C-alpha atoms as a PDB file:
ATOM      1  CA  MET A   1       0.002  -0.002   0.004  1.00  0.00           C
ATOM      2  CA  LYS A   2       1.368   3.451  -0.948  1.00  0.00           C
ATOM      3  CA  LEU A   3       0.727   6.427   1.314  1.00  0.00           C
ATOM      4  CA  THR A   4       1.755  10.070   0.913  1.00  0.00           C
ATOM      5  CA  TYR A   5       2.397  12.198   3.991  1.00  0.00           C
ATOM      6  CA  ALA A   6       3.200  15.883   4.436  1.00  0.00           C
ATOM      7  CA  VAL A   7       6.444  16.308   6.385  1.00  0.00           C
ATOM      8  CA  VAL A   8       8.094  19.223   8.175  1.00  0.00           C
ATOM      9  CA  ILE A   9      11.859  19.509   7.746  1.00  0.00           C
ATOM     10  CA  GLU A  10      13.755  21.864  10.029  1.00  0.00           C
ATOM     11  CA  GLN A  11      17.378  22.725   9.350  1.00  0.00           C
ATOM     12  CA  ILE A  12      19.997  24.550  11.371  1.00  0.00           C
ATOM     13  CA  SER A  13      23.624  24.994  10.354  1.00  0.00           C
ATOM     14  CA  ASN A  14      24.746  21.401  10.939  1.00  0.00           C
ATOM     15  CA  ASN A  15      21.650  19.240  11.345  1.00  0.00           C
ATOM     16  CA  CYS A  16      18.128  18.571  10.065  1.00  0.00           C
ATOM     17  CA  GLY A  17      15.128  17.047  11.772  1.00  0.00           C
ATOM     18  CA  ALA A  18      11.818  15.976  10.312  1.00  0.00           C
ATOM     19  CA  TYR A  19       8.422  14.747  11.342  1.00  0.00           C
ATOM     20  CA  ALA A  20       5.051  13.987   9.777  1.00  0.00           C
ATOM     21  CA  PRO A  21       2.217  15.616  11.736  1.00  0.00           C
ATOM     22  CA  ASP A  22      -0.137  12.770  10.751  1.00  0.00           C
ATOM     23  CA  VAL A  23       2.180  10.195  12.359  1.00  0.00           C
ATOM     24  CA  PRO A  24       2.816  11.096  15.997  1.00  0.00           C
ATOM     25  CA  GLY A  25       6.091   9.784  17.409  1.00  0.00           C
ATOM     26  CA  CYS A  26       7.843   9.268  14.090  1.00  0.00           C
ATOM     27  CA  ILE A  27      10.834  11.594  13.675  1.00  0.00           C
ATOM     28  CA  SER A  28      14.229  11.476  12.034  1.00  0.00           C
ATOM     29  CA  THR A  29      17.462  13.461  11.802  1.00  0.00           C
ATOM     30  CA  ALA A  30      20.232  13.867   9.244  1.00  0.00           C
ATOM     31  CA  GLU A  31      23.055  16.190   8.266  1.00  0.00           C
ATOM     32  CA  THR A  32      21.542  17.466   4.995  1.00  0.00           C
ATOM     33  CA  PRO A  33      18.027  18.077   3.672  1.00  0.00           C
ATOM     34  CA  ASP A  34      18.461  15.444   0.938  1.00  0.00           C
ATOM     35  CA  GLU A  35      19.586  12.887   3.497  1.00  0.00           C
ATOM     36  CA  MET A  36      16.658  13.969   5.662  1.00  0.00           C
ATOM     37  CA  LEU A  37      14.088  13.193   2.981  1.00  0.00           C
ATOM     38  CA  ALA A  38      15.501   9.678   2.584  1.00  0.00           C
ATOM     39  CA  ASN A  39      15.681   9.176   6.361  1.00  0.00           C
ATOM     40  CA  ILE A  40      12.146  10.371   7.106  1.00  0.00           C
ATOM     41  CA  ARG A  41      10.807   8.186   4.292  1.00  0.00           C
ATOM     42  CA  GLU A  42      12.607   5.188   5.798  1.00  0.00           C
ATOM     43  CA  ALA A  43      11.472   6.085   9.340  1.00  0.00           C
ATOM     44  CA  LEU A  44       7.846   6.417   8.221  1.00  0.00           C
ATOM     45  CA  ALA A  45       7.918   3.122   6.339  1.00  0.00           C
ATOM     46  CA  PHE A  46       9.437   1.332   9.332  1.00  0.00           C
ATOM     47  CA  HIS A  47       7.025   2.937  11.819  1.00  0.00           C
ATOM     48  CA  LEU A  48       3.909   2.340   9.707  1.00  0.00           C
ATOM     49  CA  ASP A  49       4.918  -1.212   8.800  1.00  0.00           C
ATOM     50  CA  GLY A  50       5.360  -1.958  12.503  1.00  0.00           C
ATOM     51  CA  LEU A  51       1.915  -0.564  13.288  1.00  0.00           C
ATOM     52  CA  ALA A  52       0.321  -2.616  10.501  1.00  0.00           C
ATOM     53  CA  ARG A  53       2.096  -5.858  11.511  1.00  0.00           C
ATOM     54  CA  SER A  54       1.025  -5.452  15.150  1.00  0.00           C
ATOM     55  CA  GLY A  55      -2.588  -4.852  14.163  1.00  0.00           C
ATOM     56  CA  ASP A  56      -2.604  -1.200  15.221  1.00  0.00           C
ATOM     57  CA  PRO A  57      -4.283   1.356  12.980  1.00  0.00           C
ATOM     58  CA  VAL A  58      -2.057   3.016  10.394  1.00  0.00           C
ATOM     59  CA  PRO A  59      -2.574   6.791  10.447  1.00  0.00           C
ATOM     60  CA  VAL A  60      -4.307   7.899   7.280  1.00  0.00           C
ATOM     61  CA  PRO A  61      -2.553  10.776   5.522  1.00  0.00           C
ATOM     62  CA  ALA A  62      -4.917  13.685   6.086  1.00  0.00           C
ATOM     63  CA  MET A  63      -2.747  16.808   6.007  1.00  0.00           C
ATOM     64  CA  SER A  64      -1.802  18.673   2.890  1.00  0.00           C
ATOM     65  CA  VAL A  65       1.427  20.668   2.861  1.00  0.00           C
ATOM     66  CA  ASP A  66      -0.681  23.773   3.643  1.00  0.00           C
ATOM     67  CA  ASP A  67      -2.216  21.955   6.635  1.00  0.00           C
ATOM     68  CA  ALA A  68       1.275  20.944   7.818  1.00  0.00           C
ATOM     69  CA  ILE A  69       2.413  24.563   7.584  1.00  0.00           C
ATOM     70  CA  ALA A  70      -0.542  25.720   9.696  1.00  0.00           C
ATOM     71  CA  TYR A  71       0.048  22.894  12.188  1.00  0.00           C
ATOM     72  CA  HIS A  72       3.730  23.736  12.511  1.00  0.00           C
ATOM     73  CA  VAL A  73       3.122  27.485  12.881  1.00  0.00           C
ATOM     74  CA  GLN A  74       0.544  26.799  15.600  1.00  0.00           C
ATOM     75  CA  ALA A  75       2.907  24.401  17.387  1.00  0.00           C
ATOM     76  CA  LEU A  76       5.586  27.105  17.427  1.00  0.00           C
ATOM     77  CA  ALA A  77       3.093  29.685  18.684  1.00  0.00           C
ATOM     78  CA  ASP A  78       2.057  27.289  21.462  1.00  0.00           C
ATOM     79  CA  SER A  79       5.682  26.584  22.452  1.00  0.00           C
ATOM     80  CA  ASP A  80       6.957  28.027  25.647  1.00  0.00           C
ATOM     81  CA  ALA A  81       9.191  31.012  24.830  1.00  0.00           C
ATOM     82  CA  GLU A  82      11.548  29.880  27.555  1.00  0.00           C
ATOM     83  CA  LEU A  83      11.926  26.483  25.887  1.00  0.00           C
ATOM     84  CA  LEU A  84      12.762  28.113  22.542  1.00  0.00           C
ATOM     85  CA  ALA A  85      15.237  30.423  24.291  1.00  0.00           C
ATOM     86  CA  ASP A  86      17.215  27.337  25.336  1.00  0.00           C
ATOM     87  CA  TYR A  87      18.220  26.966  21.688  1.00  0.00           C
ATOM     88  CA  GLY A  88      19.867  30.414  21.655  1.00  0.00           C
ATOM     89  CA  ASP A  89      21.223  31.432  18.258  1.00  0.00           C
ATOM     90  CA  ALA A  90      20.163  28.127  16.691  1.00  0.00           C
ATOM     91  CA  ALA A  91      16.484  29.152  16.900  1.00  0.00           C
ATOM     92  CA  ALA A  92      17.266  32.297  14.921  1.00  0.00           C
ATOM     93  CA  THR A  93      18.904  30.295  12.126  1.00  0.00           C
ATOM     94  CA  LEU A  94      16.201  27.647  11.881  1.00  0.00           C
ATOM     95  CA  SER A  95      15.023  27.042   8.322  1.00  0.00           C
ATOM     96  CA  THR A  96      11.835  25.081   7.744  1.00  0.00           C
ATOM     97  CA  ARG A  97      10.679  23.261   4.581  1.00  0.00           C
ATOM     98  CA  PHE A  98       7.474  21.410   3.934  1.00  0.00           C
ATOM     99  CA  GLU A  99       7.420  18.457   1.533  1.00  0.00           C
ATOM    100  CA  THR A 100       5.461  15.325   0.816  1.00  0.00           C
ATOM    101  CA  VAL A 101       6.934  11.864   0.920  1.00  0.00           C
ATOM    102  CA  GLU A 102       5.485   8.666  -0.455  1.00  0.00           C
ATOM    103  CA  VAL A 103       6.022   5.455   1.489  1.00  0.00           C
ATOM    104  CA  GLU A 104       5.076   1.930   0.710  1.00  0.00           C
ATOM    105  CA  ILE A 105       4.142  -0.502   3.443  1.00  0.00           C
ATOM    106  CA  SER A 106       3.201  -4.115   3.306  1.00  0.00           C
ATOM    107  CA  THR A 107      -0.197  -5.015   4.655  1.00  0.00           C
ATOM    108  CA  PRO A 108      -0.498  -8.200   6.701  1.00  0.00           C
END
């Protein structure tokens, strides 16, 4: 089964992180954005395949990229300013991209 999820990719000077808002708990990191796309695709496939094999529901892709942008902006707005301050200069250099990734999982 092929599924397409919106993902949020955040990059600072030496690292990237990504998550799919439709799939809570599934995140990944990498050194470059290109590496990040491959890693989040692999992380999603592994996570979703594990859910399917254990009989748990697989989250249905519901968010568009625009929905993911709104979700991410709201999450930042809801963040504690003190928590963000812990990141110092890194928070100021944060770059965010929004993409879609297609993953294929086997169904039991």
